[in-house]
């Protein structure tokens, strides 16, 4: 096949990601997120935990603390220190490519969580203590960063750490000039630009914005708007999950009557 034919074939594949009826390969419309499932309190050995599923992307988050800092060098006299560790299972990706803990992408996700989560955590209530957050990507099908941000929030809340708001992540991709909310890995791979957002949904304040490549100003505006809307939509789902989980806990302890 000629170079021109290869380019044409690549373009055809990208176009097929959205049908003439406006539907994506998984049946969603461009401005729809994937299905969300949460299992709060998933690990009994952790102070807080969640199994968070965003379509086929699955994240296990576990929180230990707040507790006294193990290292004096990490102690902060006026707030808690947040330690974030991100890993990926060897079978998380279809090609079964192994990832080291020091992998660049995992480091980027950890940094994004460390930067965004403190925007809502009331860390001043826990001076000289630490909160250890472990995130493991069990399966990856796009939106890993956004899913980790949301999973981290849910696990921290499950641990009883005080927060002023949720921190919710969402991704948007620009494919053939069209903005797709919460792209799968196939959609993100075909995109000319991918935007990762972390939002405080009650105020819609953006606390993290990462753009993977160069993008036109109008496309950036539309993509940020789509990701922000998506984060607010995810917030509605996870807020209900946290409420239901809290009700079940209180009922089991006899602290809530019908």
C-alpha atoms as a PDB file:
ATOM      1  CA  UNK A   1       0.000   0.000   0.000  1.00  0.00           C
ATOM      2  CA  UNK A   2       1.259   3.488  -0.827  1.00  0.00           C
ATOM      3  CA  UNK A   3       1.888   6.109   1.850  1.00  0.00           C
ATOM      4  CA  UNK A   4      -1.160   8.009   0.628  1.00  0.00           C
ATOM      5  CA  UNK A   5      -3.254   4.867   0.880  1.00  0.00           C
ATOM      6  CA  UNK A   6      -2.000   4.203   4.381  1.00  0.00           C
ATOM      7  CA  UNK A   7      -2.946   7.711   5.426  1.00  0.00           C
ATOM      8  CA  UNK A   8      -6.361   7.322   3.860  1.00  0.00           C
ATOM      9  CA  UNK A   9      -6.837   3.983   5.580  1.00  0.00           C
ATOM     10  CA  UNK A  10      -5.867   5.494   8.929  1.00  0.00           C
ATOM     11  CA  UNK A  11      -8.352   8.311   8.395  1.00  0.00           C
ATOM     12  CA  UNK A  12     -11.085   5.810   7.552  1.00  0.00           C
ATOM     13  CA  UNK A  13     -10.429   3.928  10.763  1.00  0.00           C
ATOM     14  CA  UNK A  14     -10.659   7.121  12.788  1.00  0.00           C
ATOM     15  CA  UNK A  15     -13.912   8.103  11.090  1.00  0.00           C
ATOM     16  CA  UNK A  16     -15.424   4.712  11.878  1.00  0.00           C
ATOM     17  CA  UNK A  17     -15.063   5.458  15.588  1.00  0.00           C
ATOM     18  CA  UNK A  18     -18.237   7.539  15.209  1.00  0.00           C
ATOM     19  CA  UNK A  19     -20.935   6.256  12.852  1.00  0.00           C
ATOM     20  CA  UNK A  20     -23.061   8.341  10.520  1.00  0.00           C
ATOM     21  CA  UNK A  21     -25.805   8.014  13.151  1.00  0.00           C
ATOM     22  CA  UNK A  22     -23.519   9.763  15.648  1.00  0.00           C
ATOM     23  CA  UNK A  23     -22.816   6.644  17.721  1.00  0.00           C
ATOM     24  CA  UNK A  24     -19.445   5.419  18.911  1.00  0.00           C
ATOM     25  CA  UNK A  25     -18.254   1.813  18.728  1.00  0.00           C
ATOM     26  CA  UNK A  26     -19.647   1.058  22.203  1.00  0.00           C
ATOM     27  CA  UNK A  27     -23.022   2.671  21.464  1.00  0.00           C
ATOM     28  CA  UNK A  28     -22.385   5.964  23.241  1.00  0.00           C
ATOM     29  CA  UNK A  29     -22.942   9.381  21.791  1.00  0.00           C
ATOM     30  CA  UNK A  30     -19.941  11.762  21.685  1.00  0.00           C
ATOM     31  CA  UNK A  31     -20.890  13.523  24.947  1.00  0.00           C
ATOM     32  CA  UNK A  32     -21.568  10.445  27.076  1.00  0.00           C
ATOM     33  CA  UNK A  33     -19.314   8.760  29.638  1.00  0.00           C
ATOM     34  CA  UNK A  34     -18.948   5.036  30.052  1.00  0.00           C
ATOM     35  CA  UNK A  35     -20.844   3.092  32.705  1.00  0.00           C
ATOM     36  CA  UNK A  36     -19.556   3.506  36.262  1.00  0.00           C
ATOM     37  CA  UNK A  37     -19.464   0.969  39.077  1.00  0.00           C
ATOM     38  CA  UNK A  38     -18.091   1.475  42.587  1.00  0.00           C
ATOM     39  CA  UNK A  39     -17.494  -0.909  45.481  1.00  0.00           C
ATOM     40  CA  UNK A  40     -16.534   1.147  48.518  1.00  0.00           C
ATOM     41  CA  UNK A  41     -14.880  -0.634  51.439  1.00  0.00           C
ATOM     42  CA  UNK A  42     -13.585  -3.294  49.049  1.00  0.00           C
ATOM     43  CA  UNK A  43     -10.517  -4.117  51.183  1.00  0.00           C
ATOM     44  CA  UNK A  44     -10.965  -4.869  54.875  1.00  0.00           C
ATOM     45  CA  UNK A  45      -7.250  -4.443  55.558  1.00  0.00           C
ATOM     46  CA  UNK A  46      -7.238  -0.771  54.501  1.00  0.00           C
ATOM     47  CA  UNK A  47      -8.667   2.253  56.316  1.00  0.00           C
ATOM     48  CA  UNK A  48     -10.455   3.177  53.113  1.00  0.00           C
ATOM     49  CA  UNK A  49     -10.750   1.505  49.732  1.00  0.00           C
ATOM     50  CA  UNK A  50     -12.721   1.296  46.526  1.00  0.00           C
ATOM     51  CA  UNK A  51     -12.908  -0.771  43.386  1.00  0.00           C
ATOM     52  CA  UNK A  52     -13.777   1.783  40.720  1.00  0.00           C
ATOM     53  CA  UNK A  53     -14.814   0.774  37.224  1.00  0.00           C
ATOM     54  CA  UNK A  54     -15.144   3.143  34.288  1.00  0.00           C
ATOM     55  CA  UNK A  55     -16.206   0.955  31.399  1.00  0.00           C
ATOM     56  CA  UNK A  56     -13.421  -1.603  31.032  1.00  0.00           C
ATOM     57  CA  UNK A  57     -10.941   0.487  33.042  1.00  0.00           C
ATOM     58  CA  UNK A  58     -10.742  -0.816  36.607  1.00  0.00           C
ATOM     59  CA  UNK A  59      -8.872   0.845  39.479  1.00  0.00           C
ATOM     60  CA  UNK A  60      -8.285  -0.495  42.985  1.00  0.00           C
ATOM     61  CA  UNK A  61      -7.523   2.252  45.506  1.00  0.00           C
ATOM     62  CA  UNK A  62      -6.506   1.721  49.128  1.00  0.00           C
ATOM     63  CA  UNK A  63      -5.831   4.317  51.832  1.00  0.00           C
ATOM     64  CA  UNK A  64      -3.916   3.864  55.075  1.00  0.00           C
ATOM     65  CA  UNK A  65      -4.153   6.691  57.602  1.00  0.00           C
ATOM     66  CA  UNK A  66      -4.182   9.393  58.641  1.00  0.00           C
ATOM     67  CA  UNK A  67      -1.465   8.138  60.973  1.00  0.00           C
ATOM     68  CA  UNK A  68       1.822   9.362  62.391  1.00  0.00           C
ATOM     69  CA  UNK A  69       4.442   9.874  59.692  1.00  0.00           C
ATOM     70  CA  UNK A  70       6.947   7.048  59.591  1.00  0.00           C
ATOM     71  CA  UNK A  71       9.676   9.410  58.394  1.00  0.00           C
ATOM     72  CA  UNK A  72      10.481  12.657  60.148  1.00  0.00           C
ATOM     73  CA  UNK A  73      11.640  14.129  56.843  1.00  0.00           C
ATOM     74  CA  UNK A  74       8.083  13.832  55.511  1.00  0.00           C
ATOM     75  CA  UNK A  75       6.399  15.370  58.557  1.00  0.00           C
ATOM     76  CA  UNK A  76       4.676  18.702  58.038  1.00  0.00           C
ATOM     77  CA  UNK A  77       3.885  20.556  61.236  1.00  0.00           C
ATOM     78  CA  UNK A  78       0.684  22.144  59.908  1.00  0.00           C
ATOM     79  CA  UNK A  79      -0.815  19.456  57.672  1.00  0.00           C
ATOM     80  CA  UNK A  80      -0.833  15.834  56.610  1.00  0.00           C
ATOM     81  CA  UNK A  81       1.612  14.513  54.035  1.00  0.00           C
ATOM     82  CA  UNK A  82      -0.004  12.677  51.115  1.00  0.00           C
ATOM     83  CA  UNK A  83       2.002   9.758  49.759  1.00  0.00           C
ATOM     84  CA  UNK A  84       0.781   8.336  46.443  1.00  0.00           C
ATOM     85  CA  UNK A  85       1.901   5.093  44.845  1.00  0.00           C
ATOM     86  CA  UNK A  86       0.595   3.962  41.437  1.00  0.00           C
ATOM     87  CA  UNK A  87       1.110   0.548  39.885  1.00  0.00           C
ATOM     88  CA  UNK A  88      -0.314  -1.487  37.035  1.00  0.00           C
ATOM     89  CA  UNK A  89      -0.915  -5.222  36.872  1.00  0.00           C
ATOM     90  CA  UNK A  90       1.008  -7.125  34.152  1.00  0.00           C
ATOM     91  CA  UNK A  91      -2.306  -8.078  32.524  1.00  0.00           C
ATOM     92  CA  UNK A  92      -3.823  -4.574  32.593  1.00  0.00           C
ATOM     93  CA  UNK A  93      -3.221  -3.993  28.880  1.00  0.00           C
ATOM     94  CA  UNK A  94      -4.275  -6.235  25.971  1.00  0.00           C
ATOM     95  CA  UNK A  95      -0.675  -6.669  24.804  1.00  0.00           C
ATOM     96  CA  UNK A  96       0.252  -7.794  28.324  1.00  0.00           C
ATOM     97  CA  UNK A  97       3.188  -5.392  28.413  1.00  0.00           C
ATOM     98  CA  UNK A  98       4.765  -5.339  31.862  1.00  0.00           C
ATOM     99  CA  UNK A  99       5.112  -2.018  33.636  1.00  0.00           C
ATOM    100  CA  UNK A 100       7.634  -1.068  36.250  1.00  0.00           C
ATOM    101  CA  UNK A 101       6.626   1.111  39.185  1.00  0.00           C
ATOM    102  CA  UNK A 102       8.940   3.778  37.791  1.00  0.00           C
ATOM    103  CA  UNK A 103       7.148   3.822  34.438  1.00  0.00           C
ATOM    104  CA  UNK A 104       6.760   7.395  33.174  1.00  0.00           C
ATOM    105  CA  UNK A 105       2.999   7.196  32.682  1.00  0.00           C
ATOM    106  CA  UNK A 106       2.412   5.840  36.175  1.00  0.00           C
ATOM    107  CA  UNK A 107       4.611   8.594  37.590  1.00  0.00           C
ATOM    108  CA  UNK A 108       2.521  11.175  35.714  1.00  0.00           C
ATOM    109  CA  UNK A 109      -0.681   9.745  37.168  1.00  0.00           C
ATOM    110  CA  UNK A 110       0.776   9.789  40.675  1.00  0.00           C
ATOM    111  CA  UNK A 111       1.844  13.407  40.261  1.00  0.00           C
ATOM    112  CA  UNK A 112      -1.614  14.358  38.963  1.00  0.00           C
ATOM    113  CA  UNK A 113      -3.263  12.788  42.010  1.00  0.00           C
ATOM    114  CA  UNK A 114      -0.810  14.467  44.404  1.00  0.00           C
ATOM    115  CA  UNK A 115      -1.524  17.838  42.827  1.00  0.00           C
ATOM    116  CA  UNK A 116      -5.303  17.591  42.564  1.00  0.00           C
ATOM    117  CA  UNK A 117      -6.420  15.761  45.711  1.00  0.00           C
ATOM    118  CA  UNK A 118      -5.021  18.291  48.252  1.00  0.00           C
ATOM    119  CA  UNK A 119      -7.301  20.908  46.686  1.00  0.00           C
ATOM    120  CA  UNK A 120     -10.188  19.296  48.600  1.00  0.00           C
ATOM    121  CA  UNK A 121      -8.570  17.341  51.458  1.00  0.00           C
ATOM    122  CA  UNK A 122      -8.665  19.247  54.758  1.00  0.00           C
ATOM    123  CA  UNK A 123      -5.081  18.259  55.518  1.00  0.00           C
ATOM    124  CA  UNK A 124      -4.686  20.973  58.167  1.00  0.00           C
ATOM    125  CA  UNK A 125      -6.832  18.848  60.477  1.00  0.00           C
ATOM    126  CA  UNK A 126      -4.114  16.175  60.543  1.00  0.00           C
ATOM    127  CA  UNK A 127      -0.778  17.898  61.340  1.00  0.00           C
ATOM    128  CA  UNK A 128       2.399  15.792  61.432  1.00  0.00           C
ATOM    129  CA  UNK A 129       0.551  12.810  60.000  1.00  0.00           C
ATOM    130  CA  UNK A 130       0.532  11.015  56.680  1.00  0.00           C
ATOM    131  CA  UNK A 131      -2.050   9.511  54.362  1.00  0.00           C
ATOM    132  CA  UNK A 132      -0.738   6.687  52.205  1.00  0.00           C
ATOM    133  CA  UNK A 133      -2.677   6.119  49.000  1.00  0.00           C
ATOM    134  CA  UNK A 134      -2.067   3.083  46.808  1.00  0.00           C
ATOM    135  CA  UNK A 135      -3.599   2.973  43.336  1.00  0.00           C
ATOM    136  CA  UNK A 136      -3.454  -0.123  41.171  1.00  0.00           C
ATOM    137  CA  UNK A 137      -4.662  -0.176  37.572  1.00  0.00           C
ATOM    138  CA  UNK A 138      -6.192  -3.623  37.167  1.00  0.00           C
ATOM    139  CA  UNK A 139      -7.357  -3.192  33.571  1.00  0.00           C
ATOM    140  CA  UNK A 140      -6.733  -0.262  31.260  1.00  0.00           C
ATOM    141  CA  UNK A 141      -9.002   0.871  28.434  1.00  0.00           C
ATOM    142  CA  UNK A 142      -8.480   4.631  28.433  1.00  0.00           C
ATOM    143  CA  UNK A 143      -9.059   7.319  31.030  1.00  0.00           C
ATOM    144  CA  UNK A 144      -6.596   5.853  33.529  1.00  0.00           C
ATOM    145  CA  UNK A 145      -5.591   9.230  34.958  1.00  0.00           C
ATOM    146  CA  UNK A 146      -9.157  10.460  35.373  1.00  0.00           C
ATOM    147  CA  UNK A 147     -10.261   7.153  36.878  1.00  0.00           C
ATOM    148  CA  UNK A 148      -7.357   7.198  39.350  1.00  0.00           C
ATOM    149  CA  UNK A 149      -8.237  10.733  40.482  1.00  0.00           C
ATOM    150  CA  UNK A 150     -11.853   9.745  41.132  1.00  0.00           C
ATOM    151  CA  UNK A 151     -10.913   6.439  42.765  1.00  0.00           C
ATOM    152  CA  UNK A 152      -8.428   8.235  45.026  1.00  0.00           C
ATOM    153  CA  UNK A 153     -11.153  10.611  46.192  1.00  0.00           C
ATOM    154  CA  UNK A 154     -13.548   7.770  46.978  1.00  0.00           C
ATOM    155  CA  UNK A 155     -10.935   5.792  48.917  1.00  0.00           C
ATOM    156  CA  UNK A 156      -9.909   8.853  50.944  1.00  0.00           C
ATOM    157  CA  UNK A 157     -13.558   9.536  51.757  1.00  0.00           C
ATOM    158  CA  UNK A 158     -14.049   5.895  52.735  1.00  0.00           C
ATOM    159  CA  UNK A 159     -11.150   6.312  55.180  1.00  0.00           C
ATOM    160  CA  UNK A 160     -13.067   9.114  56.879  1.00  0.00           C
ATOM    161  CA  UNK A 161     -10.652  11.862  55.864  1.00  0.00           C
ATOM    162  CA  UNK A 162     -12.371  15.260  55.879  1.00  0.00           C
ATOM    163  CA  UNK A 163     -12.838  16.867  52.461  1.00  0.00           C
ATOM    164  CA  UNK A 164     -14.481  20.082  51.281  1.00  0.00           C
ATOM    165  CA  UNK A 165     -15.583  18.563  47.976  1.00  0.00           C
ATOM    166  CA  UNK A 166     -15.105  15.611  45.678  1.00  0.00           C
ATOM    167  CA  UNK A 167     -12.249  15.682  43.173  1.00  0.00           C
ATOM    168  CA  UNK A 168     -13.490  14.054  39.983  1.00  0.00           C
ATOM    169  CA  UNK A 169     -11.573  13.321  36.804  1.00  0.00           C
ATOM    170  CA  UNK A 170     -12.698  13.121  33.208  1.00  0.00           C
ATOM    171  CA  UNK A 171     -10.953  12.913  29.847  1.00  0.00           C
ATOM    172  CA  UNK A 172     -11.883  14.293  26.434  1.00  0.00           C
ATOM    173  CA  UNK A 173     -10.336  13.531  23.050  1.00  0.00           C
ATOM    174  CA  UNK A 174     -10.423  15.336  19.725  1.00  0.00           C
ATOM    175  CA  UNK A 175     -10.925  12.856  16.882  1.00  0.00           C
ATOM    176  CA  UNK A 176     -11.302  14.208  13.334  1.00  0.00           C
ATOM    177  CA  UNK A 177     -12.310  17.577  14.744  1.00  0.00           C
ATOM    178  CA  UNK A 178     -15.001  16.051  16.966  1.00  0.00           C
ATOM    179  CA  UNK A 179     -14.775  16.075  20.762  1.00  0.00           C
ATOM    180  CA  UNK A 180     -15.396  12.705  22.419  1.00  0.00           C
ATOM    181  CA  UNK A 181     -16.049  12.597  26.160  1.00  0.00           C
ATOM    182  CA  UNK A 182     -14.380   9.849  28.203  1.00  0.00           C
ATOM    183  CA  UNK A 183     -12.594   8.124  25.293  1.00  0.00           C
ATOM    184  CA  UNK A 184     -11.687   4.461  25.238  1.00  0.00           C
ATOM    185  CA  UNK A 185      -8.082   3.533  24.505  1.00  0.00           C
ATOM    186  CA  UNK A 186      -8.923   2.991  20.823  1.00  0.00           C
ATOM    187  CA  UNK A 187     -10.470   6.452  20.607  1.00  0.00           C
ATOM    188  CA  UNK A 188      -7.593   8.111  22.468  1.00  0.00           C
ATOM    189  CA  UNK A 189      -5.063   6.403  20.185  1.00  0.00           C
ATOM    190  CA  UNK A 190      -6.814   7.870  17.124  1.00  0.00           C
ATOM    191  CA  UNK A 191      -7.090  11.362  18.633  1.00  0.00           C
ATOM    192  CA  UNK A 192      -5.117  14.417  17.607  1.00  0.00           C
ATOM    193  CA  UNK A 193      -5.298  15.660  21.210  1.00  0.00           C
ATOM    194  CA  UNK A 194      -6.315  14.267  24.603  1.00  0.00           C
ATOM    195  CA  UNK A 195      -7.262  16.450  27.588  1.00  0.00           C
ATOM    196  CA  UNK A 196      -7.267  15.216  31.190  1.00  0.00           C
ATOM    197  CA  UNK A 197      -9.218  17.253  33.738  1.00  0.00           C
ATOM    198  CA  UNK A 198      -9.695  17.108  37.509  1.00  0.00           C
ATOM    199  CA  UNK A 199     -12.599  19.184  38.781  1.00  0.00           C
ATOM    200  CA  UNK A 200     -14.187  20.231  42.064  1.00  0.00           C
ATOM    201  CA  UNK A 201     -17.715  19.546  40.800  1.00  0.00           C
ATOM    202  CA  UNK A 202     -19.719  21.708  43.198  1.00  0.00           C
ATOM    203  CA  UNK A 203     -17.934  24.853  42.041  1.00  0.00           C
ATOM    204  CA  UNK A 204     -16.772  23.403  38.696  1.00  0.00           C
ATOM    205  CA  UNK A 205     -13.295  24.683  39.520  1.00  0.00           C
ATOM    206  CA  UNK A 206     -10.617  22.996  37.436  1.00  0.00           C
ATOM    207  CA  UNK A 207      -7.719  21.912  39.660  1.00  0.00           C
ATOM    208  CA  UNK A 208      -5.787  19.983  37.009  1.00  0.00           C
ATOM    209  CA  UNK A 209      -5.619  20.258  33.232  1.00  0.00           C
ATOM    210  CA  UNK A 210      -3.222  18.189  31.142  1.00  0.00           C
ATOM    211  CA  UNK A 211      -3.078  18.371  27.353  1.00  0.00           C
ATOM    212  CA  UNK A 212      -1.201  15.569  25.641  1.00  0.00           C
ATOM    213  CA  UNK A 213      -0.413  17.466  22.414  1.00  0.00           C
ATOM    214  CA  UNK A 214      -0.813  20.764  20.608  1.00  0.00           C
ATOM    215  CA  UNK A 215      -4.423  21.792  20.035  1.00  0.00           C
ATOM    216  CA  UNK A 216      -6.292  24.733  18.515  1.00  0.00           C
ATOM    217  CA  UNK A 217      -7.818  27.210  20.971  1.00  0.00           C
ATOM    218  CA  UNK A 218     -11.417  26.479  19.935  1.00  0.00           C
ATOM    219  CA  UNK A 219     -10.883  22.719  20.189  1.00  0.00           C
ATOM    220  CA  UNK A 220      -9.289  23.150  23.612  1.00  0.00           C
ATOM    221  CA  UNK A 221     -12.258  25.197  24.809  1.00  0.00           C
ATOM    222  CA  UNK A 222     -14.727  22.584  23.569  1.00  0.00           C
ATOM    223  CA  UNK A 223     -12.703  19.687  24.987  1.00  0.00           C
ATOM    224  CA  UNK A 224     -12.327  21.306  28.406  1.00  0.00           C
ATOM    225  CA  UNK A 225     -16.054  22.034  28.428  1.00  0.00           C
ATOM    226  CA  UNK A 226     -16.857  18.424  27.550  1.00  0.00           C
ATOM    227  CA  UNK A 227     -14.479  17.025  30.173  1.00  0.00           C
ATOM    228  CA  UNK A 228     -15.879  19.408  32.797  1.00  0.00           C
ATOM    229  CA  UNK A 229     -19.436  18.355  31.962  1.00  0.00           C
ATOM    230  CA  UNK A 230     -18.351  14.732  32.104  1.00  0.00           C
ATOM    231  CA  UNK A 231     -16.779  15.212  35.537  1.00  0.00           C
ATOM    232  CA  UNK A 232     -20.018  16.711  36.849  1.00  0.00           C
ATOM    233  CA  UNK A 233     -21.896  13.715  35.460  1.00  0.00           C
ATOM    234  CA  UNK A 234     -19.481  11.289  37.124  1.00  0.00           C
ATOM    235  CA  UNK A 235     -19.890  13.258  40.355  1.00  0.00           C
ATOM    236  CA  UNK A 236     -23.624  12.570  40.363  1.00  0.00           C
ATOM    237  CA  UNK A 237     -22.977   8.826  40.185  1.00  0.00           C
ATOM    238  CA  UNK A 238     -20.201   8.608  42.781  1.00  0.00           C
ATOM    239  CA  UNK A 239     -21.947  10.980  45.182  1.00  0.00           C
ATOM    240  CA  UNK A 240     -24.944   8.633  45.218  1.00  0.00           C
ATOM    241  CA  UNK A 241     -22.614   5.664  45.765  1.00  0.00           C
ATOM    242  CA  UNK A 242     -20.944   7.344  48.761  1.00  0.00           C
ATOM    243  CA  UNK A 243     -24.347   8.220  50.224  1.00  0.00           C
ATOM    244  CA  UNK A 244     -25.648   4.658  49.848  1.00  0.00           C
ATOM    245  CA  UNK A 245     -22.468   3.211  51.353  1.00  0.00           C
ATOM    246  CA  UNK A 246     -22.681   5.567  54.344  1.00  0.00           C
ATOM    247  CA  UNK A 247     -26.327   4.652  54.931  1.00  0.00           C
ATOM    248  CA  UNK A 248     -25.462   0.936  54.935  1.00  0.00           C
ATOM    249  CA  UNK A 249     -22.611   1.470  57.397  1.00  0.00           C
ATOM    250  CA  UNK A 250     -24.724   3.499  59.790  1.00  0.00           C
ATOM    251  CA  UNK A 251     -27.587   1.012  59.571  1.00  0.00           C
ATOM    252  CA  UNK A 252     -25.277  -1.904  60.424  1.00  0.00           C
ATOM    253  CA  UNK A 253     -24.077  -0.038  63.503  1.00  0.00           C
ATOM    254  CA  UNK A 254     -27.613   0.715  64.579  1.00  0.00           C
ATOM    255  CA  UNK A 255     -27.032   4.446  64.218  1.00  0.00           C
ATOM    256  CA  UNK A 256     -29.684   4.910  61.568  1.00  0.00           C
ATOM    257  CA  UNK A 257     -33.318   3.954  61.888  1.00  0.00           C
ATOM    258  CA  UNK A 258     -35.877   3.640  59.136  1.00  0.00           C
END
